[in-house]
Amino acid sequence: MDGAKKFMISQIKEKINSGFDCVKIKIGSLDFDTEIDLIKNIRKEYSLKDLEIRVDANCAFSFSESLEKLKKLSDFSIHSIEQPIQTRQWENMAFLCEKSPLAIALDEELINLSSSEKEKMIEIIDPKYIILKPSLIGGLKKCEDWIDIAVRNNVKWWATSALESNIGLNAIAQWVYEKHANMKQGLGTGKLFSNNIPSPYIIEKGRLKYSYKKQMGSFVV
């Protein structure tokens, strides 16, 4: 546990030192007290003014324990938590959104819903945020359908890239820019791929930027 916690802290500090002012911490894989201690240590060094912290539970909490955990997390000025409990528990999630002192964002909840279910789900749960992953919810047009629903229901949104190559990242980045999204987005950098094509995108002080000195490349077969 100690080794895992130290590694996570070092990874977070590396991002902060390279200019990021918003980090997402995945929770639910370690003992909850260990994860609370990790967040507490980060918050001791970096105030809310210096660092926005978002957490992602990936459906790891049981409903019975979730509200207590959300209350503990809220002590550390956390922006929001993604998907605290399993999907398709709309009434339970609605209860959490109403009672939680920590804003809740829906992620996995948006996947594999029919058109008729989408607005119904948002109206029942009434989340603070939804998170749009174009590759997982059917592309950019489906994301725009979700944005329309969100706007009608006073729900805010941001987009993230999942495992897109630089081609996919390029499309999502331009789409987010055109949408004039006014929240911090969760766009990846494509560094997970060993055979990704060259990209004009660079990371500068935690921001994804387009470099006119570089070009989108192509695969060499």
C-alpha atoms as a PDB file:
ATOM      1  CA  MET A   1       0.000   0.000   0.000  1.00  0.00           C
ATOM      2  CA  ASP A   2       2.719   2.464   0.971  1.00  0.00           C
ATOM      3  CA  GLY A   3       4.540   1.836  -2.292  1.00  0.00           C
ATOM      4  CA  ALA A   4       1.389   2.393  -4.343  1.00  0.00           C
ATOM      5  CA  LYS A   5       0.582   5.585  -2.447  1.00  0.00           C
ATOM      6  CA  LYS A   6       4.110   6.965  -2.881  1.00  0.00           C
ATOM      7  CA  PHE A   7       3.982   6.196  -6.601  1.00  0.00           C
ATOM      8  CA  MET A   8       0.639   7.978  -7.004  1.00  0.00           C
ATOM      9  CA  ILE A   9       1.893  11.034  -5.091  1.00  0.00           C
ATOM     10  CA  SER A  10       5.031  11.170  -7.244  1.00  0.00           C
ATOM     11  CA  GLN A  11       2.916  10.962 -10.422  1.00  0.00           C
ATOM     12  CA  ILE A  12       0.646  13.772  -9.249  1.00  0.00           C
ATOM     13  CA  LYS A  13       3.569  15.973  -8.234  1.00  0.00           C
ATOM     14  CA  GLU A  14       5.187  15.380 -11.613  1.00  0.00           C
ATOM     15  CA  LYS A  15       2.075  16.701 -13.334  1.00  0.00           C
ATOM     16  CA  ILE A  16       1.819  19.703 -11.029  1.00  0.00           C
ATOM     17  CA  ASN A  17       5.495  20.565 -11.486  1.00  0.00           C
ATOM     18  CA  SER A  18       5.064  20.453 -15.264  1.00  0.00           C
ATOM     19  CA  GLY A  19       2.336  23.081 -15.096  1.00  0.00           C
ATOM     20  CA  PHE A  20      -0.955  21.272 -14.609  1.00  0.00           C
ATOM     21  CA  ASP A  21      -3.404  23.024 -12.283  1.00  0.00           C
ATOM     22  CA  CYS A  22      -6.062  20.302 -12.486  1.00  0.00           C
ATOM     23  CA  VAL A  23      -5.542  16.601 -11.794  1.00  0.00           C
ATOM     24  CA  LYS A  24      -7.871  13.623 -11.753  1.00  0.00           C
ATOM     25  CA  ILE A  25      -7.189  10.960  -9.147  1.00  0.00           C
ATOM     26  CA  LYS A  26      -8.669   7.508  -9.628  1.00  0.00           C
ATOM     27  CA  ILE A  27      -9.903   6.036  -6.379  1.00  0.00           C
ATOM     28  CA  GLY A  28     -11.420   2.720  -5.401  1.00  0.00           C
ATOM     29  CA  SER A  29      -8.452   0.463  -6.092  1.00  0.00           C
ATOM     30  CA  LEU A  30      -6.672   1.063  -2.764  1.00  0.00           C
ATOM     31  CA  ASP A  31      -7.985   1.013   0.779  1.00  0.00           C
ATOM     32  CA  PHE A  32     -10.235   4.081   1.136  1.00  0.00           C
ATOM     33  CA  ASP A  33      -8.344   5.427   4.172  1.00  0.00           C
ATOM     34  CA  THR A  34      -5.116   5.206   2.161  1.00  0.00           C
ATOM     35  CA  GLU A  35      -6.715   7.165  -0.671  1.00  0.00           C
ATOM     36  CA  ILE A  36      -8.029   9.797   1.742  1.00  0.00           C
ATOM     37  CA  ASP A  37      -4.536  10.119   3.203  1.00  0.00           C
ATOM     38  CA  LEU A  38      -3.085  10.559  -0.286  1.00  0.00           C
ATOM     39  CA  ILE A  39      -5.528  13.348  -1.127  1.00  0.00           C
ATOM     40  CA  LYS A  40      -4.941  14.957   2.266  1.00  0.00           C
ATOM     41  CA  ASN A  41      -1.181  15.027   1.634  1.00  0.00           C
ATOM     42  CA  ILE A  42      -1.664  16.608  -1.777  1.00  0.00           C
ATOM     43  CA  ARG A  43      -4.058  19.215  -0.397  1.00  0.00           C
ATOM     44  CA  LYS A  44      -1.607  20.119   2.391  1.00  0.00           C
ATOM     45  CA  GLU A  45       0.917  21.168  -0.261  1.00  0.00           C
ATOM     46  CA  TYR A  46      -1.454  22.634  -2.846  1.00  0.00           C
ATOM     47  CA  SER A  47      -4.427  24.791  -1.949  1.00  0.00           C
ATOM     48  CA  LEU A  48      -7.657  25.030  -3.913  1.00  0.00           C
ATOM     49  CA  LYS A  49      -6.290  28.184  -5.543  1.00  0.00           C
ATOM     50  CA  ASP A  50      -3.259  26.252  -6.806  1.00  0.00           C
ATOM     51  CA  LEU A  51      -4.833  22.946  -7.783  1.00  0.00           C
ATOM     52  CA  GLU A  52      -8.245  21.634  -8.834  1.00  0.00           C
ATOM     53  CA  ILE A  53      -8.703  18.010  -7.808  1.00  0.00           C
ATOM     54  CA  ARG A  54     -11.217  15.738  -9.487  1.00  0.00           C
ATOM     55  CA  VAL A  55     -11.660  12.108  -8.456  1.00  0.00           C
ATOM     56  CA  ASP A  56     -12.987   9.139 -10.385  1.00  0.00           C
ATOM     57  CA  ALA A  57     -14.441   6.205  -8.460  1.00  0.00           C
ATOM     58  CA  ASN A  58     -15.154   4.090 -11.564  1.00  0.00           C
ATOM     59  CA  CYS A  59     -18.318   2.685  -9.919  1.00  0.00           C
ATOM     60  CA  ALA A  60     -16.264   1.304  -7.000  1.00  0.00           C
ATOM     61  CA  PHE A  61     -18.478   2.353  -4.067  1.00  0.00           C
ATOM     62  CA  SER A  62     -21.422   0.355  -2.814  1.00  0.00           C
ATOM     63  CA  PHE A  63     -24.524   2.478  -2.369  1.00  0.00           C
ATOM     64  CA  SER A  64     -24.683   1.743   1.360  1.00  0.00           C
ATOM     65  CA  GLU A  65     -21.242   3.238   2.020  1.00  0.00           C
ATOM     66  CA  SER A  66     -21.131   5.880  -0.699  1.00  0.00           C
ATOM     67  CA  LEU A  67     -22.657   8.891   1.073  1.00  0.00           C
ATOM     68  CA  GLU A  68     -20.281   8.575   4.036  1.00  0.00           C
ATOM     69  CA  LYS A  69     -17.315   8.374   1.653  1.00  0.00           C
ATOM     70  CA  LEU A  70     -18.525  11.378  -0.319  1.00  0.00           C
ATOM     71  CA  LYS A  71     -18.762  13.384   2.886  1.00  0.00           C
ATOM     72  CA  LYS A  72     -15.174  12.473   3.814  1.00  0.00           C
ATOM     73  CA  LEU A  73     -13.894  13.402   0.353  1.00  0.00           C
ATOM     74  CA  SER A  74     -15.678  16.757   0.496  1.00  0.00           C
ATOM     75  CA  ASP A  75     -13.358  17.872   3.307  1.00  0.00           C
ATOM     76  CA  PHE A  76     -10.572  18.428   0.769  1.00  0.00           C
ATOM     77  CA  SER A  77     -12.157  20.967  -1.601  1.00  0.00           C
ATOM     78  CA  ILE A  78     -12.598  18.454  -4.401  1.00  0.00           C
ATOM     79  CA  HIS A  79     -14.222  19.700  -7.596  1.00  0.00           C
ATOM     80  CA  SER A  80     -16.280  16.569  -8.331  1.00  0.00           C
ATOM     81  CA  ILE A  81     -16.393  12.790  -8.293  1.00  0.00           C
ATOM     82  CA  GLU A  82     -17.104  10.642 -11.342  1.00  0.00           C
ATOM     83  CA  GLN A  83     -19.502   7.729 -11.113  1.00  0.00           C
ATOM     84  CA  PRO A  84     -19.335   6.770  -7.414  1.00  0.00           C
ATOM     85  CA  ILE A  85     -21.648   3.743  -7.754  1.00  0.00           C
ATOM     86  CA  GLN A  86     -22.540   1.206 -10.420  1.00  0.00           C
ATOM     87  CA  THR A  87     -24.659   2.289 -13.387  1.00  0.00           C
ATOM     88  CA  ARG A  88     -28.378   1.698 -13.788  1.00  0.00           C
ATOM     89  CA  GLN A  89     -29.147   2.608 -10.184  1.00  0.00           C
ATOM     90  CA  TRP A  90     -30.919   5.804 -11.153  1.00  0.00           C
ATOM     91  CA  GLU A  91     -32.894   6.307  -7.968  1.00  0.00           C
ATOM     92  CA  ASN A  92     -29.834   5.643  -5.804  1.00  0.00           C
ATOM     93  CA  MET A  93     -27.710   7.990  -7.885  1.00  0.00           C
ATOM     94  CA  ALA A  94     -30.440  10.637  -7.688  1.00  0.00           C
ATOM     95  CA  PHE A  95     -30.384  10.329  -3.907  1.00  0.00           C
ATOM     96  CA  LEU A  96     -26.602  10.823  -3.871  1.00  0.00           C
ATOM     97  CA  CYS A  97     -26.769  13.833  -6.187  1.00  0.00           C
ATOM     98  CA  GLU A  98     -29.318  15.410  -3.858  1.00  0.00           C
ATOM     99  CA  LYS A  99     -27.573  14.605  -0.562  1.00  0.00           C
ATOM    100  CA  SER A 100     -23.868  14.629  -1.416  1.00  0.00           C
ATOM    101  CA  PRO A 101     -21.797  17.682  -0.394  1.00  0.00           C
ATOM    102  CA  LEU A 102     -19.521  16.764  -3.313  1.00  0.00           C
ATOM    103  CA  ALA A 103     -20.654  17.379  -6.906  1.00  0.00           C
ATOM    104  CA  ILE A 104     -21.263  14.193  -8.890  1.00  0.00           C
ATOM    105  CA  ALA A 105     -20.408  13.692 -12.563  1.00  0.00           C
ATOM    106  CA  LEU A 106     -21.856  10.887 -14.677  1.00  0.00           C
ATOM    107  CA  ASP A 107     -19.477   8.953 -16.912  1.00  0.00           C
ATOM    108  CA  GLU A 108     -20.206   5.257 -17.488  1.00  0.00           C
ATOM    109  CA  GLU A 109     -23.886   6.063 -16.950  1.00  0.00           C
ATOM    110  CA  LEU A 110     -24.007   7.608 -20.436  1.00  0.00           C
ATOM    111  CA  ILE A 111     -22.897   4.467 -22.271  1.00  0.00           C
ATOM    112  CA  ASN A 112     -25.341   2.175 -24.106  1.00  0.00           C
ATOM    113  CA  LEU A 113     -28.499   4.173 -23.452  1.00  0.00           C
ATOM    114  CA  SER A 114     -31.280   4.339 -26.030  1.00  0.00           C
ATOM    115  CA  SER A 115     -32.395   7.743 -27.273  1.00  0.00           C
ATOM    116  CA  SER A 116     -35.577   7.541 -25.221  1.00  0.00           C
ATOM    117  CA  GLU A 117     -33.653   6.774 -22.031  1.00  0.00           C
ATOM    118  CA  LYS A 118     -31.159   9.630 -22.167  1.00  0.00           C
ATOM    119  CA  GLU A 119     -33.295  12.572 -21.099  1.00  0.00           C
ATOM    120  CA  LYS A 120     -35.243  10.411 -18.659  1.00  0.00           C
ATOM    121  CA  MET A 121     -31.998   9.407 -16.930  1.00  0.00           C
ATOM    122  CA  ILE A 122     -30.800  13.019 -16.663  1.00  0.00           C
ATOM    123  CA  GLU A 123     -34.152  14.200 -15.337  1.00  0.00           C
ATOM    124  CA  ILE A 124     -34.261  11.460 -12.689  1.00  0.00           C
ATOM    125  CA  ILE A 125     -30.644  11.685 -11.506  1.00  0.00           C
ATOM    126  CA  ASP A 126     -30.157  15.461 -11.968  1.00  0.00           C
ATOM    127  CA  PRO A 127     -26.340  15.379 -11.865  1.00  0.00           C
ATOM    128  CA  LYS A 128     -24.113  18.446 -11.663  1.00  0.00           C
ATOM    129  CA  TYR A 129     -21.965  17.304 -14.614  1.00  0.00           C
ATOM    130  CA  ILE A 130     -21.788  14.758 -17.410  1.00  0.00           C
ATOM    131  CA  ILE A 131     -18.559  13.586 -19.023  1.00  0.00           C
ATOM    132  CA  LEU A 132     -18.486  13.002 -22.763  1.00  0.00           C
ATOM    133  CA  LYS A 133     -16.239  10.315 -24.242  1.00  0.00           C
ATOM    134  CA  PRO A 134     -16.947  10.405 -27.994  1.00  0.00           C
ATOM    135  CA  SER A 135     -15.484   6.977 -28.739  1.00  0.00           C
ATOM    136  CA  LEU A 136     -17.632   5.300 -26.087  1.00  0.00           C
ATOM    137  CA  ILE A 137     -20.963   7.042 -26.610  1.00  0.00           C
ATOM    138  CA  GLY A 138     -21.185   6.976 -30.385  1.00  0.00           C
ATOM    139  CA  GLY A 139     -19.129   9.849 -31.755  1.00  0.00           C
ATOM    140  CA  LEU A 140     -19.266  13.626 -31.785  1.00  0.00           C
ATOM    141  CA  LYS A 141     -22.862  13.845 -33.018  1.00  0.00           C
ATOM    142  CA  LYS A 142     -24.029  11.736 -30.072  1.00  0.00           C
ATOM    143  CA  CYS A 143     -22.015  14.013 -27.776  1.00  0.00           C
ATOM    144  CA  GLU A 144     -23.855  17.008 -29.187  1.00  0.00           C
ATOM    145  CA  ASP A 145     -27.163  15.261 -28.492  1.00  0.00           C
ATOM    146  CA  TRP A 146     -26.029  14.857 -24.875  1.00  0.00           C
ATOM    147  CA  ILE A 147     -25.028  18.537 -24.718  1.00  0.00           C
ATOM    148  CA  ASP A 148     -28.512  19.539 -25.886  1.00  0.00           C
ATOM    149  CA  ILE A 149     -30.046  17.417 -23.134  1.00  0.00           C
ATOM    150  CA  ALA A 150     -27.605  18.825 -20.574  1.00  0.00           C
ATOM    151  CA  VAL A 151     -28.388  22.422 -21.526  1.00  0.00           C
ATOM    152  CA  ARG A 152     -32.126  21.801 -21.239  1.00  0.00           C
ATOM    153  CA  ASN A 153     -31.619  20.380 -17.753  1.00  0.00           C
ATOM    154  CA  ASN A 154     -29.030  22.882 -16.481  1.00  0.00           C
ATOM    155  CA  VAL A 155     -26.266  20.271 -16.367  1.00  0.00           C
ATOM    156  CA  LYS A 156     -22.655  21.186 -17.171  1.00  0.00           C
ATOM    157  CA  TRP A 157     -20.264  18.995 -19.156  1.00  0.00           C
ATOM    158  CA  TRP A 158     -16.694  18.334 -20.141  1.00  0.00           C
ATOM    159  CA  ALA A 159     -15.118  15.924 -22.624  1.00  0.00           C
ATOM    160  CA  THR A 160     -12.348  13.398 -22.239  1.00  0.00           C
ATOM    161  CA  SER A 161     -10.491  11.268 -24.727  1.00  0.00           C
ATOM    162  CA  ALA A 162     -10.180   7.574 -23.945  1.00  0.00           C
ATOM    163  CA  LEU A 163      -7.663   5.635 -26.030  1.00  0.00           C
ATOM    164  CA  GLU A 164      -7.744   7.600 -29.264  1.00  0.00           C
ATOM    165  CA  SER A 165      -4.713   7.899 -31.490  1.00  0.00           C
ATOM    166  CA  ASN A 166      -3.514  11.379 -32.433  1.00  0.00           C
ATOM    167  CA  ILE A 167      -6.072  11.393 -35.256  1.00  0.00           C
ATOM    168  CA  GLY A 168      -8.918  10.957 -32.782  1.00  0.00           C
ATOM    169  CA  LEU A 169      -7.386  13.403 -30.320  1.00  0.00           C
ATOM    170  CA  ASN A 170      -7.098  15.973 -33.110  1.00  0.00           C
ATOM    171  CA  ALA A 171     -10.809  15.636 -33.910  1.00  0.00           C
ATOM    172  CA  ILE A 172     -11.923  15.843 -30.270  1.00  0.00           C
ATOM    173  CA  ALA A 173      -9.640  18.794 -29.495  1.00  0.00           C
ATOM    174  CA  GLN A 174     -10.961  20.817 -32.434  1.00  0.00           C
ATOM    175  CA  TRP A 175     -14.559  19.905 -31.592  1.00  0.00           C
ATOM    176  CA  VAL A 176     -14.159  21.005 -27.956  1.00  0.00           C
ATOM    177  CA  TYR A 177     -12.570  24.273 -29.111  1.00  0.00           C
ATOM    178  CA  GLU A 178     -15.453  24.951 -31.505  1.00  0.00           C
ATOM    179  CA  LYS A 179     -17.923  24.256 -28.711  1.00  0.00           C
ATOM    180  CA  HIS A 180     -16.268  27.016 -26.648  1.00  0.00           C
ATOM    181  CA  ALA A 181     -16.185  24.690 -23.663  1.00  0.00           C
ATOM    182  CA  ASN A 182     -15.478  26.823 -20.601  1.00  0.00           C
ATOM    183  CA  MET A 183     -14.372  24.014 -18.293  1.00  0.00           C
ATOM    184  CA  LYS A 184     -11.113  22.147 -18.002  1.00  0.00           C
ATOM    185  CA  GLN A 185     -11.230  19.191 -20.375  1.00  0.00           C
ATOM    186  CA  GLY A 186      -9.650  15.754 -19.985  1.00  0.00           C
ATOM    187  CA  LEU A 187      -7.881  15.278 -23.289  1.00  0.00           C
ATOM    188  CA  GLY A 188      -5.113  12.695 -23.460  1.00  0.00           C
ATOM    189  CA  THR A 189      -1.801  13.070 -25.215  1.00  0.00           C
ATOM    190  CA  GLY A 190      -1.552   9.801 -27.140  1.00  0.00           C
ATOM    191  CA  LYS A 191       1.624   8.855 -25.301  1.00  0.00           C
ATOM    192  CA  LEU A 192       0.273   5.403 -24.471  1.00  0.00           C
ATOM    193  CA  PHE A 193       0.753   4.356 -28.089  1.00  0.00           C
ATOM    194  CA  SER A 194       4.118   3.093 -29.308  1.00  0.00           C
ATOM    195  CA  ASN A 195       3.121   3.439 -32.979  1.00  0.00           C
ATOM    196  CA  ASN A 196       1.162   6.690 -32.928  1.00  0.00           C
ATOM    197  CA  ILE A 197       1.541   9.072 -35.843  1.00  0.00           C
ATOM    198  CA  PRO A 198       3.358  12.402 -35.330  1.00  0.00           C
ATOM    199  CA  SER A 199       1.088  15.167 -34.090  1.00  0.00           C
ATOM    200  CA  PRO A 200       1.169  18.980 -34.043  1.00  0.00           C
ATOM    201  CA  TYR A 201      -0.214  18.960 -30.499  1.00  0.00           C
ATOM    202  CA  ILE A 202       2.042  19.755 -27.589  1.00  0.00           C
ATOM    203  CA  ILE A 203       1.500  20.035 -23.840  1.00  0.00           C
ATOM    204  CA  GLU A 204       2.572  23.408 -22.472  1.00  0.00           C
ATOM    205  CA  LYS A 205       1.977  24.232 -18.805  1.00  0.00           C
ATOM    206  CA  GLY A 206      -0.832  21.713 -18.601  1.00  0.00           C
ATOM    207  CA  ARG A 207      -2.569  22.963 -21.775  1.00  0.00           C
ATOM    208  CA  LEU A 208      -3.004  21.113 -25.051  1.00  0.00           C
ATOM    209  CA  LYS A 209      -1.783  23.440 -27.782  1.00  0.00           C
ATOM    210  CA  TYR A 210      -1.353  23.299 -31.542  1.00  0.00           C
ATOM    211  CA  SER A 211       2.199  23.891 -32.747  1.00  0.00           C
ATOM    212  CA  TYR A 212       2.430  25.358 -36.229  1.00  0.00           C
ATOM    213  CA  LYS A 213       6.019  24.125 -36.386  1.00  0.00           C
ATOM    214  CA  LYS A 214       4.817  20.514 -36.428  1.00  0.00           C
ATOM    215  CA  GLN A 215       2.571  18.598 -38.783  1.00  0.00           C
ATOM    216  CA  MET A 216       0.190  15.678 -38.519  1.00  0.00           C
ATOM    217  CA  GLY A 217       2.193  12.758 -39.860  1.00  0.00           C
ATOM    218  CA  SER A 218       1.370   9.407 -41.372  1.00  0.00           C
ATOM    219  CA  PHE A 219       2.247   5.784 -40.712  1.00  0.00           C
ATOM    220  CA  VAL A 220       5.228   4.309 -42.471  1.00  0.00           C
ATOM    221  CA  VAL A 221       4.515   0.703 -43.506  1.00  0.00           C
END
